[in-house]
Every structure is written in structure tokens, then in C-alpha cells.
Amino acid sequence: MINVVLADDHVLVRDGIKALLEDQTGITVIDEASNGKEALEVISKNKPHVLIVDIRMPEMNGIEVVTEINKHHKNVKTLVLSMHDSEEYVVKSIEAGADGYLLKGASKKEFLKAVNNVASGKKYFAGDVSTIIMNNFVNGNTNKAVESKKAAKELPFKLTKREKQILSLVLELKNNKDIADELEISKRTAEVHRFNLMKKLDAKNLMELTNKAKEYQLY
């Protein structure tokens, strides 16, 4: 059973999400909150598996809530549900530690997929959101001057052709199964290559990996 807490300052929105979730086997909404501070109180009391949180709320916004949860309630997964697809909101949510970001216009099927993915420990970002992440962390801000290739750090290691392929797909936010299917290799092989990449680049998560790839100009 996936226990969910909803945090949104609009009662109608919460009612709609609750009805959708509780129509599914294996998901239950155990509590709700109408502002950021209340959300943290509810989380402390109930310890849910997933918090579905809106960005714009009174008292504390969703990004601030996600930040606090990642400091004090690391076992609680966070799915940001917002009507905003601006780069600022998306990037700040990722930096705060959100496990997923979904737009309120998403279909029922995608919404349920996002909840289940996040609850199982995976990341979930809608297609448009993934594009924003790629543009920000891989291609960089187009308003900034592009650094010269000569300014890049010297690569202290070599990547194989396959590792370069894997890196490219990882930076496109593809999971191990998707990578395995695309390269026609086993999922286990994809996992090993991914592990080796993280080790070589001394990266603990996707954000660190993308930053290191940018630092060494591997994209």
C-alpha cells in the first residue's frame, strides 16, 4: 500500500487528486495539508511514502517543503505537481531534491505512473520537464557565454565507446531498461556500465553526473 499525503491550498484540487488516487488499488491518501508548514507537520505525524506537493502555497512554498523533507524525512518521496513549466521552478525543484515533477495538465495514466515510480524509488519527470533539465544541466544556459574547449578540465580517465553511448542516454534521463532496449544489451550490462560511469566521474547522483559531464565537456 502506497500512503500519500496531498499538499495544495486549493480544496477542489486536493479532492480531485484524492478521488483519482483512491480509485486505484494499492494507493491511499492518509492526510492533506493546505499550506507548506501544515504539510511538514502532517509529514512528521504520518510518515507517508509519498508527498504530492504544489509549488505555490502560503506559509512555505513547495520547493521549501521539499528542501526540508530531504533534510529531515529522507524516506519520504516527493512529487511536485504544478501548473508551471518554467525553467526556474523545475530547476529549483530538482536542486531541492524532488523525486518527480509533473504538470497539472498531465493525463490520469501519466499521473498514476509518476506516483508509482516515485514511490518505488525511481525518478519521474514529464517529457517537457526532462527537456528543461537537459537544457539547464547539459547544454547550459544559452544566455551565458560558452566556455572554450581549451578551458575544459583535462579528462583524467578514458571512456569507452559504449560508455559514451550510455552516458548520452543517461543524460537524456533514460532508465536502465530503456538503455538496454535501445542498445540491444541486457539490463544488467546497462547497470554495470552506468555504475562504472558514476565511479569514473565520481558522481553520486544524476545531477552530479550531468555537472561532471559538463565540466569535462563530454556531451
C-alpha atoms as a PDB file:
ATOM      1  CA  MET A   1       0.000   0.000   0.000  1.00  0.00           C
ATOM      2  CA  ILE A   2       1.342   3.417  -1.000  1.00  0.00           C
ATOM      3  CA  ASN A   3       0.461   6.003   1.649  1.00  0.00           C
ATOM      4  CA  VAL A   4       0.153   9.501   0.195  1.00  0.00           C
ATOM      5  CA  VAL A   5      -0.132  12.988   1.668  1.00  0.00           C
ATOM      6  CA  LEU A   6      -1.534  15.792  -0.503  1.00  0.00           C
ATOM      7  CA  ALA A   7      -0.397  19.401  -0.053  1.00  0.00           C
ATOM      8  CA  ASP A   8      -2.252  22.036  -2.074  1.00  0.00           C
ATOM      9  CA  ASP A   9      -4.018  25.200  -0.991  1.00  0.00           C
ATOM     10  CA  HIS A  10      -6.994  24.509  -3.287  1.00  0.00           C
ATOM     11  CA  VAL A  11      -9.563  22.143  -1.780  1.00  0.00           C
ATOM     12  CA  LEU A  12     -11.031  21.255  -5.179  1.00  0.00           C
ATOM     13  CA  VAL A  13      -7.614  20.220  -6.462  1.00  0.00           C
ATOM     14  CA  ARG A  14      -6.993  18.023  -3.433  1.00  0.00           C
ATOM     15  CA  ASP A  15     -10.441  16.467  -3.717  1.00  0.00           C
ATOM     16  CA  GLY A  16      -9.853  15.662  -7.388  1.00  0.00           C
ATOM     17  CA  ILE A  17      -6.448  14.090  -6.791  1.00  0.00           C
ATOM     18  CA  LYS A  18      -7.733  12.145  -3.789  1.00  0.00           C
ATOM     19  CA  ALA A  19     -10.639  10.723  -5.795  1.00  0.00           C
ATOM     20  CA  LEU A  20      -8.303   9.704  -8.603  1.00  0.00           C
ATOM     21  CA  LEU A  21      -5.786   8.020  -6.313  1.00  0.00           C
ATOM     22  CA  GLU A  22      -8.250   6.204  -4.074  1.00  0.00           C
ATOM     23  CA  ASP A  23      -9.926   4.739  -7.144  1.00  0.00           C
ATOM     24  CA  GLN A  24      -6.723   2.727  -7.580  1.00  0.00           C
ATOM     25  CA  THR A  25      -5.858  -0.465  -5.739  1.00  0.00           C
ATOM     26  CA  GLY A  26      -2.801  -0.082  -3.524  1.00  0.00           C
ATOM     27  CA  ILE A  27      -2.880   3.702  -3.021  1.00  0.00           C
ATOM     28  CA  THR A  28      -4.473   5.588  -0.147  1.00  0.00           C
ATOM     29  CA  VAL A  29      -4.463   9.262   0.824  1.00  0.00           C
ATOM     30  CA  ILE A  30      -3.792   9.308   4.549  1.00  0.00           C
ATOM     31  CA  ASP A  31      -3.801  13.075   5.139  1.00  0.00           C
ATOM     32  CA  GLU A  32      -3.899  16.509   3.493  1.00  0.00           C
ATOM     33  CA  ALA A  33      -2.389  19.951   4.005  1.00  0.00           C
ATOM     34  CA  SER A  34      -3.380  23.388   2.737  1.00  0.00           C
ATOM     35  CA  ASN A  35      -0.024  25.144   3.186  1.00  0.00           C
ATOM     36  CA  GLY A  36       3.686  24.394   3.466  1.00  0.00           C
ATOM     37  CA  LYS A  37       4.019  24.468   7.246  1.00  0.00           C
ATOM     38  CA  GLU A  38       0.994  22.248   7.681  1.00  0.00           C
ATOM     39  CA  ALA A  39       2.491  19.833   5.153  1.00  0.00           C
ATOM     40  CA  LEU A  40       5.631  19.423   7.275  1.00  0.00           C
ATOM     41  CA  GLU A  41       3.528  18.859  10.397  1.00  0.00           C
ATOM     42  CA  VAL A  42       1.474  16.216   8.612  1.00  0.00           C
ATOM     43  CA  ILE A  43       4.627  14.517   7.297  1.00  0.00           C
ATOM     44  CA  SER A  44       6.137  14.379  10.793  1.00  0.00           C
ATOM     45  CA  LYS A  45       2.967  12.821  12.166  1.00  0.00           C
ATOM     46  CA  ASN A  46       2.163  10.308   9.425  1.00  0.00           C
ATOM     47  CA  LYS A  47       5.474   9.411   7.715  1.00  0.00           C
ATOM     48  CA  PRO A  48       3.880   8.708   4.294  1.00  0.00           C
ATOM     49  CA  HIS A  49       5.629   7.051   1.376  1.00  0.00           C
ATOM     50  CA  VAL A  50       4.917   9.951  -0.986  1.00  0.00           C
ATOM     51  CA  LEU A  51       4.123  13.639  -0.652  1.00  0.00           C
ATOM     52  CA  ILE A  52       2.386  15.220  -3.628  1.00  0.00           C
ATOM     53  CA  VAL A  53       3.005  18.936  -3.277  1.00  0.00           C
ATOM     54  CA  ASP A  54       2.067  22.069  -5.190  1.00  0.00           C
ATOM     55  CA  ILE A  55       4.744  24.712  -5.697  1.00  0.00           C
ATOM     56  CA  ARG A  56       2.744  27.844  -4.911  1.00  0.00           C
ATOM     57  CA  MET A  57       1.297  27.627  -1.406  1.00  0.00           C
ATOM     58  CA  PRO A  58       1.019  30.014   1.562  1.00  0.00           C
ATOM     59  CA  GLU A  59       3.332  29.882   4.598  1.00  0.00           C
ATOM     60  CA  MET A  60       6.007  27.846   2.757  1.00  0.00           C
ATOM     61  CA  ASN A  61       6.121  27.066  -0.935  1.00  0.00           C
ATOM     62  CA  GLY A  62       6.513  23.551  -2.311  1.00  0.00           C
ATOM     63  CA  ILE A  63      10.214  23.919  -3.051  1.00  0.00           C
ATOM     64  CA  GLU A  64      10.909  24.942   0.551  1.00  0.00           C
ATOM     65  CA  VAL A  65       8.870  21.979   1.758  1.00  0.00           C
ATOM     66  CA  VAL A  66      10.830  19.556  -0.443  1.00  0.00           C
ATOM     67  CA  THR A  67      14.092  21.001   0.875  1.00  0.00           C
ATOM     68  CA  GLU A  68      13.027  20.428   4.488  1.00  0.00           C
ATOM     69  CA  ILE A  69      11.793  16.911   3.770  1.00  0.00           C
ATOM     70  CA  ASN A  70      15.136  15.977   2.237  1.00  0.00           C
ATOM     71  CA  LYS A  71      16.855  17.240   5.377  1.00  0.00           C
ATOM     72  CA  HIS A  72      14.629  15.630   7.993  1.00  0.00           C
ATOM     73  CA  HIS A  73      12.491  12.934   6.313  1.00  0.00           C
ATOM     74  CA  LYS A  74      14.716  11.295   3.717  1.00  0.00           C
ATOM     75  CA  ASN A  75      12.464   8.239   3.365  1.00  0.00           C
ATOM     76  CA  VAL A  76       9.546  10.344   2.140  1.00  0.00           C
ATOM     77  CA  LYS A  77       9.470  10.668  -1.649  1.00  0.00           C
ATOM     78  CA  THR A  78       8.316  13.960  -3.131  1.00  0.00           C
ATOM     79  CA  LEU A  79       6.360  14.551  -6.329  1.00  0.00           C
ATOM     80  CA  VAL A  80       5.938  18.192  -7.293  1.00  0.00           C
ATOM     81  CA  LEU A  81       2.659  18.777  -9.095  1.00  0.00           C
ATOM     82  CA  SER A  82       2.445  22.208 -10.668  1.00  0.00           C
ATOM     83  CA  MET A  83       0.820  24.213 -13.414  1.00  0.00           C
ATOM     84  CA  HIS A  84       4.175  25.927 -14.043  1.00  0.00           C
ATOM     85  CA  ASP A  85       6.680  24.556 -16.548  1.00  0.00           C
ATOM     86  CA  SER A  86       9.140  27.427 -16.270  1.00  0.00           C
ATOM     87  CA  GLU A  87      12.822  26.535 -16.092  1.00  0.00           C
ATOM     88  CA  GLU A  88      13.198  28.347 -12.767  1.00  0.00           C
ATOM     89  CA  TYR A  89      10.584  26.243 -10.978  1.00  0.00           C
ATOM     90  CA  VAL A  90      11.776  22.967 -12.482  1.00  0.00           C
ATOM     91  CA  VAL A  91      15.461  23.535 -11.727  1.00  0.00           C
ATOM     92  CA  LYS A  92      14.817  24.749  -8.184  1.00  0.00           C
ATOM     93  CA  SER A  93      12.650  21.696  -7.504  1.00  0.00           C
ATOM     94  CA  ILE A  94      15.383  19.348  -8.722  1.00  0.00           C
ATOM     95  CA  GLU A  95      18.026  21.170  -6.698  1.00  0.00           C
ATOM     96  CA  ALA A  96      15.773  20.898  -3.624  1.00  0.00           C
ATOM     97  CA  GLY A  97      15.732  17.123  -4.100  1.00  0.00           C
ATOM     98  CA  ALA A  98      12.314  16.457  -5.665  1.00  0.00           C
ATOM     99  CA  ASP A  99      11.890  12.884  -6.903  1.00  0.00           C
ATOM    100  CA  GLY A 100       9.492  13.944  -9.629  1.00  0.00           C
ATOM    101  CA  TYR A 101       7.911  16.941 -11.319  1.00  0.00           C
ATOM    102  CA  LEU A 102       4.601  16.722 -13.141  1.00  0.00           C
ATOM    103  CA  LEU A 103       2.362  19.333 -14.695  1.00  0.00           C
ATOM    104  CA  LYS A 104      -1.256  19.546 -13.567  1.00  0.00           C
ATOM    105  CA  GLY A 105      -2.374  19.081 -17.151  1.00  0.00           C
ATOM    106  CA  ALA A 106      -0.955  15.544 -17.205  1.00  0.00           C
ATOM    107  CA  SER A 107      -3.198  12.626 -18.117  1.00  0.00           C
ATOM    108  CA  LYS A 108      -4.553  10.252 -15.471  1.00  0.00           C
ATOM    109  CA  LYS A 109      -2.306   7.490 -16.820  1.00  0.00           C
ATOM    110  CA  GLU A 110       0.839   9.621 -16.567  1.00  0.00           C
ATOM    111  CA  PHE A 111      -0.098  10.890 -13.111  1.00  0.00           C
ATOM    112  CA  LEU A 112      -0.524   7.368 -11.729  1.00  0.00           C
ATOM    113  CA  LYS A 113       2.716   6.285 -13.398  1.00  0.00           C
ATOM    114  CA  ALA A 114       4.531   9.191 -11.741  1.00  0.00           C
ATOM    115  CA  VAL A 115       3.162   8.321  -8.282  1.00  0.00           C
ATOM    116  CA  ASN A 116       4.089   4.649  -8.609  1.00  0.00           C
ATOM    117  CA  ASN A 117       7.558   5.387  -9.984  1.00  0.00           C
ATOM    118  CA  VAL A 118       8.370   7.860  -7.227  1.00  0.00           C
ATOM    119  CA  ALA A 119       7.001   5.523  -4.542  1.00  0.00           C
ATOM    120  CA  SER A 120       9.259   2.715  -5.789  1.00  0.00           C
ATOM    121  CA  GLY A 121      12.355   4.894  -5.555  1.00  0.00           C
ATOM    122  CA  LYS A 122      12.589   5.954  -9.187  1.00  0.00           C
ATOM    123  CA  LYS A 123      12.624   9.467 -10.587  1.00  0.00           C
ATOM    124  CA  TYR A 124       9.829  10.758 -12.791  1.00  0.00           C
ATOM    125  CA  PHE A 125       9.884  13.900 -14.890  1.00  0.00           C
ATOM    126  CA  ALA A 126       7.376  14.625 -17.635  1.00  0.00           C
ATOM    127  CA  GLY A 127       8.699  14.923 -21.187  1.00  0.00           C
ATOM    128  CA  ASP A 128       8.646  18.730 -21.282  1.00  0.00           C
ATOM    129  CA  VAL A 129      10.258  18.856 -17.856  1.00  0.00           C
ATOM    130  CA  SER A 130      13.018  16.464 -18.955  1.00  0.00           C
ATOM    131  CA  THR A 131      13.804  18.813 -21.822  1.00  0.00           C
ATOM    132  CA  ILE A 132      14.189  21.715 -19.395  1.00  0.00           C
ATOM    133  CA  ILE A 133      16.518  19.646 -17.202  1.00  0.00           C
ATOM    134  CA  MET A 134      18.608  18.675 -20.206  1.00  0.00           C
ATOM    135  CA  ASN A 135      18.861  22.257 -21.407  1.00  0.00           C
ATOM    136  CA  ASN A 136      19.901  23.510 -17.985  1.00  0.00           C
ATOM    137  CA  PHE A 137      22.312  20.838 -16.790  1.00  0.00           C
ATOM    138  CA  VAL A 138      23.696  19.519 -20.054  1.00  0.00           C
ATOM    139  CA  ASN A 139      23.586  22.304 -22.629  1.00  0.00           C
ATOM    140  CA  GLY A 140      23.855  25.120 -20.100  1.00  0.00           C
ATOM    141  CA  ASN A 141      22.129  28.485 -20.038  1.00  0.00           C
ATOM    142  CA  THR A 142      22.147  29.942 -23.548  1.00  0.00           C
ATOM    143  CA  ASN A 143      22.389  33.427 -22.105  1.00  0.00           C
ATOM    144  CA  LYS A 144      25.808  32.648 -20.656  1.00  0.00           C
ATOM    145  CA  ALA A 145      28.983  32.773 -22.661  1.00  0.00           C
ATOM    146  CA  VAL A 146      30.037  29.401 -23.970  1.00  0.00           C
ATOM    147  CA  GLU A 147      33.325  28.355 -22.456  1.00  0.00           C
ATOM    148  CA  SER A 148      36.162  27.494 -24.793  1.00  0.00           C
ATOM    149  CA  LYS A 149      37.074  23.856 -25.234  1.00  0.00           C
ATOM    150  CA  LYS A 150      40.545  24.790 -24.057  1.00  0.00           C
ATOM    151  CA  ALA A 151      39.062  25.828 -20.722  1.00  0.00           C
ATOM    152  CA  ALA A 152      37.727  22.347 -20.069  1.00  0.00           C
ATOM    153  CA  LYS A 153      39.409  20.236 -17.438  1.00  0.00           C
ATOM    154  CA  GLU A 154      41.687  17.547 -18.732  1.00  0.00           C
ATOM    155  CA  LEU A 155      39.965  14.184 -18.606  1.00  0.00           C
ATOM    156  CA  PRO A 156      41.772  12.028 -16.005  1.00  0.00           C
ATOM    157  CA  PHE A 157      40.340   8.822 -17.494  1.00  0.00           C
ATOM    158  CA  LYS A 158      39.161   7.330 -20.754  1.00  0.00           C
ATOM    159  CA  LEU A 159      35.595   6.425 -21.645  1.00  0.00           C
ATOM    160  CA  THR A 160      34.941   3.512 -23.947  1.00  0.00           C
ATOM    161  CA  LYS A 161      32.696   3.933 -26.967  1.00  0.00           C
ATOM    162  CA  ARG A 162      29.946   2.040 -25.146  1.00  0.00           C
ATOM    163  CA  GLU A 163      30.331   4.177 -22.009  1.00  0.00           C
ATOM    164  CA  LYS A 164      29.947   7.296 -24.132  1.00  0.00           C
ATOM    165  CA  GLN A 165      26.726   5.861 -25.579  1.00  0.00           C
ATOM    166  CA  ILE A 166      25.457   5.021 -22.113  1.00  0.00           C
ATOM    167  CA  LEU A 167      26.369   8.486 -20.822  1.00  0.00           C
ATOM    168  CA  SER A 168      24.447  10.147 -23.632  1.00  0.00           C
ATOM    169  CA  LEU A 169      21.327   8.093 -22.848  1.00  0.00           C
ATOM    170  CA  VAL A 170      21.636   8.626 -19.092  1.00  0.00           C
ATOM    171  CA  LEU A 171      21.784  12.376 -19.678  1.00  0.00           C
ATOM    172  CA  GLU A 172      18.538  12.012 -21.629  1.00  0.00           C
ATOM    173  CA  LEU A 173      17.064  10.677 -18.350  1.00  0.00           C
ATOM    174  CA  LYS A 174      16.574   7.158 -19.702  1.00  0.00           C
ATOM    175  CA  ASN A 175      16.436   4.335 -17.169  1.00  0.00           C
ATOM    176  CA  ASN A 176      18.448   1.119 -17.381  1.00  0.00           C
ATOM    177  CA  LYS A 177      15.690  -0.819 -19.141  1.00  0.00           C
ATOM    178  CA  ASP A 178      15.262   1.880 -21.796  1.00  0.00           C
ATOM    179  CA  ILE A 179      19.036   1.999 -22.324  1.00  0.00           C
ATOM    180  CA  ALA A 180      19.201  -1.789 -22.617  1.00  0.00           C
ATOM    181  CA  ASP A 181      16.382  -1.842 -25.168  1.00  0.00           C
ATOM    182  CA  GLU A 182      17.890   0.947 -27.264  1.00  0.00           C
ATOM    183  CA  LEU A 183      21.404  -0.541 -27.348  1.00  0.00           C
ATOM    184  CA  GLU A 184      20.157  -4.134 -27.534  1.00  0.00           C
ATOM    185  CA  ILE A 185      22.057  -5.222 -24.454  1.00  0.00           C
ATOM    186  CA  SER A 186      20.919  -6.786 -21.194  1.00  0.00           C
ATOM    187  CA  LYS A 187      19.578  -4.624 -18.392  1.00  0.00           C
ATOM    188  CA  ARG A 188      22.379  -5.966 -16.164  1.00  0.00           C
ATOM    189  CA  THR A 189      25.010  -4.823 -18.681  1.00  0.00           C
ATOM    190  CA  ALA A 190      23.427  -1.365 -18.792  1.00  0.00           C
ATOM    191  CA  GLU A 191      23.513  -1.234 -14.990  1.00  0.00           C
ATOM    192  CA  VAL A 192      27.220  -2.173 -14.920  1.00  0.00           C
ATOM    193  CA  HIS A 193      28.133   0.485 -17.494  1.00  0.00           C
ATOM    194  CA  ARG A 194      26.119   3.074 -15.590  1.00  0.00           C
ATOM    195  CA  PHE A 195      27.840   2.134 -12.328  1.00  0.00           C
ATOM    196  CA  ASN A 196      31.278   2.399 -13.978  1.00  0.00           C
ATOM    197  CA  LEU A 197      30.397   5.831 -15.359  1.00  0.00           C
ATOM    198  CA  MET A 198      29.327   7.101 -11.954  1.00  0.00           C
ATOM    199  CA  LYS A 199      32.525   5.716 -10.435  1.00  0.00           C
ATOM    200  CA  LYS A 200      34.808   7.215 -13.095  1.00  0.00           C
ATOM    201  CA  LEU A 201      33.144  10.608 -12.830  1.00  0.00           C
ATOM    202  CA  ASP A 202      32.948  10.379  -9.030  1.00  0.00           C
ATOM    203  CA  ALA A 203      29.231  11.165  -9.181  1.00  0.00           C
ATOM    204  CA  LYS A 204      26.671  10.060  -6.593  1.00  0.00           C
ATOM    205  CA  ASN A 205      23.532  11.082  -8.481  1.00  0.00           C
ATOM    206  CA  LEU A 206      22.227  12.330 -11.826  1.00  0.00           C
ATOM    207  CA  MET A 207      22.803  15.995 -11.013  1.00  0.00           C
ATOM    208  CA  GLU A 208      26.454  15.370 -10.140  1.00  0.00           C
ATOM    209  CA  LEU A 209      26.873  13.244 -13.261  1.00  0.00           C
ATOM    210  CA  THR A 210      25.486  15.941 -15.557  1.00  0.00           C
ATOM    211  CA  ASN A 211      27.639  18.590 -13.913  1.00  0.00           C
ATOM    212  CA  LYS A 212      30.758  16.439 -14.294  1.00  0.00           C
ATOM    213  CA  ALA A 213      29.871  15.704 -17.924  1.00  0.00           C
ATOM    214  CA  LYS A 214      29.557  19.434 -18.499  1.00  0.00           C
ATOM    215  CA  GLU A 215      32.790  20.147 -16.624  1.00  0.00           C
ATOM    216  CA  TYR A 216      34.743  17.722 -18.822  1.00  0.00           C
ATOM    217  CA  GLN A 217      32.681  18.653 -21.919  1.00  0.00           C
ATOM    218  CA  LEU A 218      31.635  15.075 -22.575  1.00  0.00           C
ATOM    219  CA  TYR A 219      28.310  15.961 -24.201  1.00  0.00           C
END
